Amino acid sequence: MDFGTHWQVYVTMPVIAALIGYVTKRVAIEMMFRPLEFVGIKPFLGWQGVLPANAERMAATWPSR
């Protein structure tokens, strides 16, 4: 029986998968909002958060009430 000899591997698999999933989702959310200003060498080597980069366009298309 393979499970009996390698049970530690089978028990840790879901834990490691959950940790990797959490970290990648956390990084994606951080990249959406941060940094507020462009960081890097313009125009191609750097990053600005997706929402701050498109704030004017998104605000202009938001329905006014």
PDB file of N, CA and C in Angstrom:
ATOM      1  N   MET A   1       0.848  -1.180   0.000  1.00  0.00           N
ATOM      2  CA  MET A   1       0.000   0.000   0.000  1.00  0.00           C
ATOM      3  C   MET A   1       0.893   1.242   0.000  1.00  0.00           C
ATOM      4  N   ASP A   2       0.749   2.059  -1.010  1.00  0.00           N
ATOM      5  CA  ASP A   2       1.578   3.246  -1.158  1.00  0.00           C
ATOM      6  C   ASP A   2       1.226   4.323  -0.134  1.00  0.00           C
ATOM      7  N   PHE A   3      -0.055   4.454   0.185  1.00  0.00           N
ATOM      8  CA  PHE A   3      -0.479   5.489   1.127  1.00  0.00           C
ATOM      9  C   PHE A   3       0.132   5.260   2.503  1.00  0.00           C
ATOM     10  N   GLY A   4       0.219   4.038   2.917  1.00  0.00           N
ATOM     11  CA  GLY A   4       0.767   3.724   4.232  1.00  0.00           C
ATOM     12  C   GLY A   4       2.224   4.105   4.388  1.00  0.00           C
ATOM     13  N   THR A   5       2.985   4.003   3.315  1.00  0.00           N
ATOM     14  CA  THR A   5       4.410   4.324   3.413  1.00  0.00           C
ATOM     15  C   THR A   5       4.707   5.793   3.138  1.00  0.00           C
ATOM     16  N   HIS A   6       3.872   6.455   2.350  1.00  0.00           N
ATOM     17  CA  HIS A   6       4.125   7.854   1.991  1.00  0.00           C
ATOM     18  C   HIS A   6       2.972   8.770   2.398  1.00  0.00           C
ATOM     19  N   TRP A   7       2.373   8.542   3.527  1.00  0.00           N
ATOM     20  CA  TRP A   7       1.209   9.317   3.925  1.00  0.00           C
ATOM     21  C   TRP A   7       1.518  10.798   4.126  1.00  0.00           C
ATOM     22  N   GLN A   8       2.766  11.113   4.516  1.00  0.00           N
ATOM     23  CA  GLN A   8       3.122  12.518   4.732  1.00  0.00           C
ATOM     24  C   GLN A   8       2.990  13.327   3.444  1.00  0.00           C
ATOM     25  N   VAL A   9       3.348  12.724   2.322  1.00  0.00           N
ATOM     26  CA  VAL A   9       3.264  13.406   1.033  1.00  0.00           C
ATOM     27  C   VAL A   9       1.809  13.704   0.692  1.00  0.00           C
ATOM     28  N   TYR A  10       0.946  12.731   0.887  1.00  0.00           N
ATOM     29  CA  TYR A  10      -0.469  12.897   0.552  1.00  0.00           C
ATOM     30  C   TYR A  10      -1.161  13.899   1.470  1.00  0.00           C
ATOM     31  N   VAL A  11      -0.716  13.990   2.709  1.00  0.00           N
ATOM     32  CA  VAL A  11      -1.324  14.928   3.650  1.00  0.00           C
ATOM     33  C   VAL A  11      -0.862  16.359   3.361  1.00  0.00           C
ATOM     34  N   THR A  12       0.393  16.529   2.969  1.00  0.00           N
ATOM     35  CA  THR A  12       0.908  17.877   2.742  1.00  0.00           C
ATOM     36  C   THR A  12       0.528  18.445   1.375  1.00  0.00           C
ATOM     37  N   MET A  13       0.123  17.628   0.415  1.00  0.00           N
ATOM     38  CA  MET A  13      -0.232  18.123  -0.921  1.00  0.00           C
ATOM     39  C   MET A  13      -1.316  19.202  -0.888  1.00  0.00           C
ATOM     40  N   PRO A  14      -2.456  18.994  -0.235  1.00  0.00           N
ATOM     41  CA  PRO A  14      -3.479  20.042  -0.220  1.00  0.00           C
ATOM     42  C   PRO A  14      -3.023  21.302   0.512  1.00  0.00           C
ATOM     43  N   VAL A  15      -2.189  21.139   1.523  1.00  0.00           N
ATOM     44  CA  VAL A  15      -1.700  22.298   2.267  1.00  0.00           C
ATOM     45  C   VAL A  15      -0.802  23.155   1.379  1.00  0.00           C
ATOM     46  N   ILE A  16       0.122  22.523   0.685  1.00  0.00           N
ATOM     47  CA  ILE A  16       1.027  23.252  -0.217  1.00  0.00           C
ATOM     48  C   ILE A  16       0.237  23.890  -1.365  1.00  0.00           C
ATOM     49  N   ALA A  17      -0.726  23.173  -1.931  1.00  0.00           N
ATOM     50  CA  ALA A  17      -1.545  23.723  -3.021  1.00  0.00           C
ATOM     51  C   ALA A  17      -2.344  24.926  -2.546  1.00  0.00           C
ATOM     52  N   ALA A  18      -2.892  24.861  -1.348  1.00  0.00           N
ATOM     53  CA  ALA A  18      -3.649  25.989  -0.804  1.00  0.00           C
ATOM     54  C   ALA A  18      -2.740  27.183  -0.561  1.00  0.00           C
ATOM     55  N   LEU A  19      -1.552  26.957  -0.077  1.00  0.00           N
ATOM     56  CA  LEU A  19      -0.600  28.038   0.167  1.00  0.00           C
ATOM     57  C   LEU A  19      -0.193  28.713  -1.142  1.00  0.00           C
ATOM     58  N   ILE A  20       0.088  27.937  -2.167  1.00  0.00           N
ATOM     59  CA  ILE A  20       0.444  28.499  -3.467  1.00  0.00           C
ATOM     60  C   ILE A  20      -0.725  29.286  -4.047  1.00  0.00           C
ATOM     61  N   GLY A  21      -1.927  28.764  -3.948  1.00  0.00           N
ATOM     62  CA  GLY A  21      -3.109  29.468  -4.439  1.00  0.00           C
ATOM     63  C   GLY A  21      -3.331  30.779  -3.711  1.00  0.00           C
ATOM     64  N   TYR A  22      -3.159  30.784  -2.404  1.00  0.00           N
ATOM     65  CA  TYR A  22      -3.334  32.009  -1.624  1.00  0.00           C
ATOM     66  C   TYR A  22      -2.311  33.060  -2.027  1.00  0.00           C
ATOM     67  N   VAL A  23      -1.057  32.654  -2.139  1.00  0.00           N
ATOM     68  CA  VAL A  23       0.003  33.617  -2.467  1.00  0.00           C
ATOM     69  C   VAL A  23      -0.210  34.214  -3.851  1.00  0.00           C
ATOM     70  N   THR A  24      -0.554  33.401  -4.842  1.00  0.00           N
ATOM     71  CA  THR A  24      -0.736  33.935  -6.190  1.00  0.00           C
ATOM     72  C   THR A  24      -1.940  34.876  -6.264  1.00  0.00           C
ATOM     73  N   LYS A  25      -3.007  34.567  -5.573  1.00  0.00           N
ATOM     74  CA  LYS A  25      -4.171  35.467  -5.550  1.00  0.00           C
ATOM     75  C   LYS A  25      -3.848  36.758  -4.816  1.00  0.00           C
ATOM     76  N   ARG A  26      -3.107  36.662  -3.759  1.00  0.00           N
ATOM     77  CA  ARG A  26      -2.710  37.852  -3.002  1.00  0.00           C
ATOM     78  C   ARG A  26      -1.838  38.781  -3.856  1.00  0.00           C
ATOM     79  N   VAL A  27      -0.897  38.209  -4.587  1.00  0.00           N
ATOM     80  CA  VAL A  27      -0.032  39.007  -5.461  1.00  0.00           C
ATOM     81  C   VAL A  27      -0.850  39.666  -6.561  1.00  0.00           C
ATOM     82  N   ALA A  28      -1.807  38.942  -7.132  1.00  0.00           N
ATOM     83  CA  ALA A  28      -2.644  39.514  -8.191  1.00  0.00           C
ATOM     84  C   ALA A  28      -3.454  40.696  -7.677  1.00  0.00           C
ATOM     85  N   ILE A  29      -3.995  40.592  -6.490  1.00  0.00           N
ATOM     86  CA  ILE A  29      -4.777  41.691  -5.920  1.00  0.00           C
ATOM     87  C   ILE A  29      -3.882  42.885  -5.623  1.00  0.00           C
ATOM     88  N   GLU A  30      -2.699  42.633  -5.078  1.00  0.00           N
ATOM     89  CA  GLU A  30      -1.769  43.735  -4.807  1.00  0.00           C
ATOM     90  C   GLU A  30      -1.369  44.438  -6.101  1.00  0.00           C
ATOM     91  N   MET A  31      -1.173  43.690  -7.178  1.00  0.00           N
ATOM     92  CA  MET A  31      -0.764  44.285  -8.448  1.00  0.00           C
ATOM     93  C   MET A  31      -1.885  45.108  -9.072  1.00  0.00           C
ATOM     94  N   MET A  32      -3.120  44.820  -8.733  1.00  0.00           N
ATOM     95  CA  MET A  32      -4.230  45.620  -9.252  1.00  0.00           C
ATOM     96  C   MET A  32      -4.245  47.018  -8.644  1.00  0.00           C
ATOM     97  N   PHE A  33      -3.877  47.144  -7.389  1.00  0.00           N
ATOM     98  CA  PHE A  33      -4.024  48.403  -6.678  1.00  0.00           C
ATOM     99  C   PHE A  33      -2.727  49.154  -6.418  1.00  0.00           C
ATOM    100  N   ARG A  34      -1.596  48.478  -6.453  1.00  0.00           N
ATOM    101  CA  ARG A  34      -0.331  49.113  -6.104  1.00  0.00           C
ATOM    102  C   ARG A  34       0.693  48.886  -7.179  1.00  0.00           C
ATOM    103  N   PRO A  35       1.629  49.785  -7.372  1.00  0.00           N
ATOM    104  CA  PRO A  35       1.762  51.100  -6.777  1.00  0.00           C
ATOM    105  C   PRO A  35       0.848  52.118  -7.450  1.00  0.00           C
ATOM    106  N   LEU A  36       0.623  53.213  -6.762  1.00  0.00           N
ATOM    107  CA  LEU A  36      -0.249  54.255  -7.303  1.00  0.00           C
ATOM    108  C   LEU A  36       0.415  54.997  -8.452  1.00  0.00           C
ATOM    109  N   GLU A  37       1.700  55.242  -8.350  1.00  0.00           N
ATOM    110  CA  GLU A  37       2.463  55.915  -9.395  1.00  0.00           C
ATOM    111  C   GLU A  37       3.319  54.893 -10.131  1.00  0.00           C
ATOM    112  N   PHE A  38       3.655  55.198 -11.380  1.00  0.00           N
ATOM    113  CA  PHE A  38       4.489  54.299 -12.180  1.00  0.00           C
ATOM    114  C   PHE A  38       5.860  54.166 -11.540  1.00  0.00           C
ATOM    115  N   VAL A  39       6.336  52.927 -11.425  1.00  0.00           N
ATOM    116  CA  VAL A  39       7.654  52.646 -10.869  1.00  0.00           C
ATOM    117  C   VAL A  39       8.439  51.896 -11.929  1.00  0.00           C
ATOM    118  N   GLY A  40       9.590  52.408 -12.302  1.00  0.00           N
ATOM    119  CA  GLY A  40      10.419  51.751 -13.294  1.00  0.00           C
ATOM    120  C   GLY A  40      10.925  52.741 -14.317  1.00  0.00           C
ATOM    121  N   ILE A  41      11.330  52.219 -15.467  1.00  0.00           N
ATOM    122  CA  ILE A  41      11.837  53.032 -16.561  1.00  0.00           C
ATOM    123  C   ILE A  41      10.731  53.137 -17.598  1.00  0.00           C
ATOM    124  N   LYS A  42      10.224  54.354 -17.814  1.00  0.00           N
ATOM    125  CA  LYS A  42       9.115  54.548 -18.757  1.00  0.00           C
ATOM    126  C   LYS A  42       9.578  54.301 -20.167  1.00  0.00           C
ATOM    127  N   PRO A  43       8.785  53.847 -21.053  1.00  0.00           N
ATOM    128  CA  PRO A  43       7.385  53.508 -20.930  1.00  0.00           C
ATOM    129  C   PRO A  43       7.142  52.017 -20.709  1.00  0.00           C
ATOM    130  N   PHE A  44       8.165  51.164 -20.834  1.00  0.00           N
ATOM    131  CA  PHE A  44       7.912  49.725 -20.857  1.00  0.00           C
ATOM    132  C   PHE A  44       8.430  48.950 -19.651  1.00  0.00           C
ATOM    133  N   LEU A  45       9.466  49.387 -19.007  1.00  0.00           N
ATOM    134  CA  LEU A  45      10.064  48.619 -17.917  1.00  0.00           C
ATOM    135  C   LEU A  45       9.605  49.155 -16.575  1.00  0.00           C
ATOM    136  N   GLY A  46       8.473  48.696 -16.133  1.00  0.00           N
ATOM    137  CA  GLY A  46       7.959  49.136 -14.847  1.00  0.00           C
ATOM    138  C   GLY A  46       6.519  48.696 -14.671  1.00  0.00           C
ATOM    139  N   TRP A  47       5.907  49.190 -13.611  1.00  0.00           N
ATOM    140  CA  TRP A  47       4.545  48.778 -13.297  1.00  0.00           C
ATOM    141  C   TRP A  47       3.818  49.872 -12.549  1.00  0.00           C
ATOM    142  N   GLN A  48       2.559  50.023 -12.886  1.00  0.00           N
ATOM    143  CA  GLN A  48       1.624  50.833 -12.117  1.00  0.00           C
ATOM    144  C   GLN A  48       0.382  49.988 -11.960  1.00  0.00           C
ATOM    145  N   GLY A  49      -0.246  50.065 -10.822  1.00  0.00           N
ATOM    146  CA  GLY A  49      -1.439  49.276 -10.593  1.00  0.00           C
ATOM    147  C   GLY A  49      -2.472  49.475 -11.691  1.00  0.00           C
ATOM    148  N   VAL A  50      -3.214  48.435 -12.012  1.00  0.00           N
ATOM    149  CA  VAL A  50      -4.185  48.486 -13.099  1.00  0.00           C
ATOM    150  C   VAL A  50      -5.261  49.527 -12.820  1.00  0.00           C
ATOM    151  N   LEU A  51      -5.790  49.555 -11.633  1.00  0.00           N
ATOM    152  CA  LEU A  51      -6.837  50.533 -11.313  1.00  0.00           C
ATOM    153  C   LEU A  51      -6.309  51.963 -11.264  1.00  0.00           C
ATOM    154  N   PRO A  52      -5.171  52.244 -10.608  1.00  0.00           N
ATOM    155  CA  PRO A  52      -4.665  53.611 -10.659  1.00  0.00           C
ATOM    156  C   PRO A  52      -4.295  54.064 -12.070  1.00  0.00           C
ATOM    157  N   ALA A  53      -3.809  53.156 -12.900  1.00  0.00           N
ATOM    158  CA  ALA A  53      -3.420  53.521 -14.262  1.00  0.00           C
ATOM    159  C   ALA A  53      -4.632  53.903 -15.108  1.00  0.00           C
ATOM    160  N   ASN A  54      -5.781  53.320 -14.832  1.00  0.00           N
ATOM    161  CA  ASN A  54      -6.983  53.561 -15.621  1.00  0.00           C
ATOM    162  C   ASN A  54      -8.054  54.331 -14.847  1.00  0.00           C
ATOM    163  N   ALA A  55      -7.674  55.040 -13.813  1.00  0.00           N
ATOM    164  CA  ALA A  55      -8.643  55.706 -12.944  1.00  0.00           C
ATOM    165  C   ALA A  55      -9.483  56.738 -13.689  1.00  0.00           C
ATOM    166  N   GLU A  56      -8.846  57.544 -14.539  1.00  0.00           N
ATOM    167  CA  GLU A  56      -9.609  58.572 -15.258  1.00  0.00           C
ATOM    168  C   GLU A  56     -10.631  57.950 -16.197  1.00  0.00           C
ATOM    169  N   ARG A  57     -10.219  56.961 -16.955  1.00  0.00           N
ATOM    170  CA  ARG A  57     -11.128  56.310 -17.901  1.00  0.00           C
ATOM    171  C   ARG A  57     -12.279  55.626 -17.164  1.00  0.00           C
ATOM    172  N   MET A  58     -11.968  54.964 -16.055  1.00  0.00           N
ATOM    173  CA  MET A  58     -13.007  54.277 -15.297  1.00  0.00           C
ATOM    174  C   MET A  58     -13.974  55.262 -14.659  1.00  0.00           C
ATOM    175  N   ALA A  59     -13.457  56.404 -14.184  1.00  0.00           N
ATOM    176  CA  ALA A  59     -14.330  57.413 -13.575  1.00  0.00           C
ATOM    177  C   ALA A  59     -15.220  58.077 -14.625  1.00  0.00           C
ATOM    178  N   ALA A  60     -14.709  58.233 -15.831  1.00  0.00           N
ATOM    179  CA  ALA A  60     -15.488  58.870 -16.885  1.00  0.00           C
ATOM    180  C   ALA A  60     -16.622  57.976 -17.378  1.00  0.00           C
ATOM    181  N   THR A  61     -16.451  56.677 -17.304  1.00  0.00           N
ATOM    182  CA  THR A  61     -17.496  55.766 -17.780  1.00  0.00           C
ATOM    183  C   THR A  61     -18.454  55.343 -16.683  1.00  0.00           C
ATOM    184  N   TRP A  62     -18.184  55.733 -15.459  1.00  0.00           N
ATOM    185  CA  TRP A  62     -19.060  55.360 -14.343  1.00  0.00           C
ATOM    186  C   TRP A  62     -20.388  56.118 -14.502  1.00  0.00           C
ATOM    187  N   PRO A  63     -21.520  55.437 -14.370  1.00  0.00           N
ATOM    188  CA  PRO A  63     -22.799  56.135 -14.539  1.00  0.00           C
ATOM    189  C   PRO A  63     -23.032  57.152 -13.420  1.00  0.00           C
ATOM    190  N   SER A  64     -23.377  58.366 -13.808  1.00  0.00           N
ATOM    191  CA  SER A  64     -23.649  59.399 -12.814  1.00  0.00           C
ATOM    192  C   SER A  64     -25.105  59.285 -12.365  1.00  0.00           C
ATOM    193  N   ARG A  65     -25.348  59.630 -11.129  1.00  0.00           N
ATOM    194  CA  ARG A  65     -26.702  59.519 -10.580  1.00  0.00           C
ATOM    195  C   ARG A  65     -27.215  60.854 -10.145  1.00  0.00           C
TER     196      ARG A  65
END
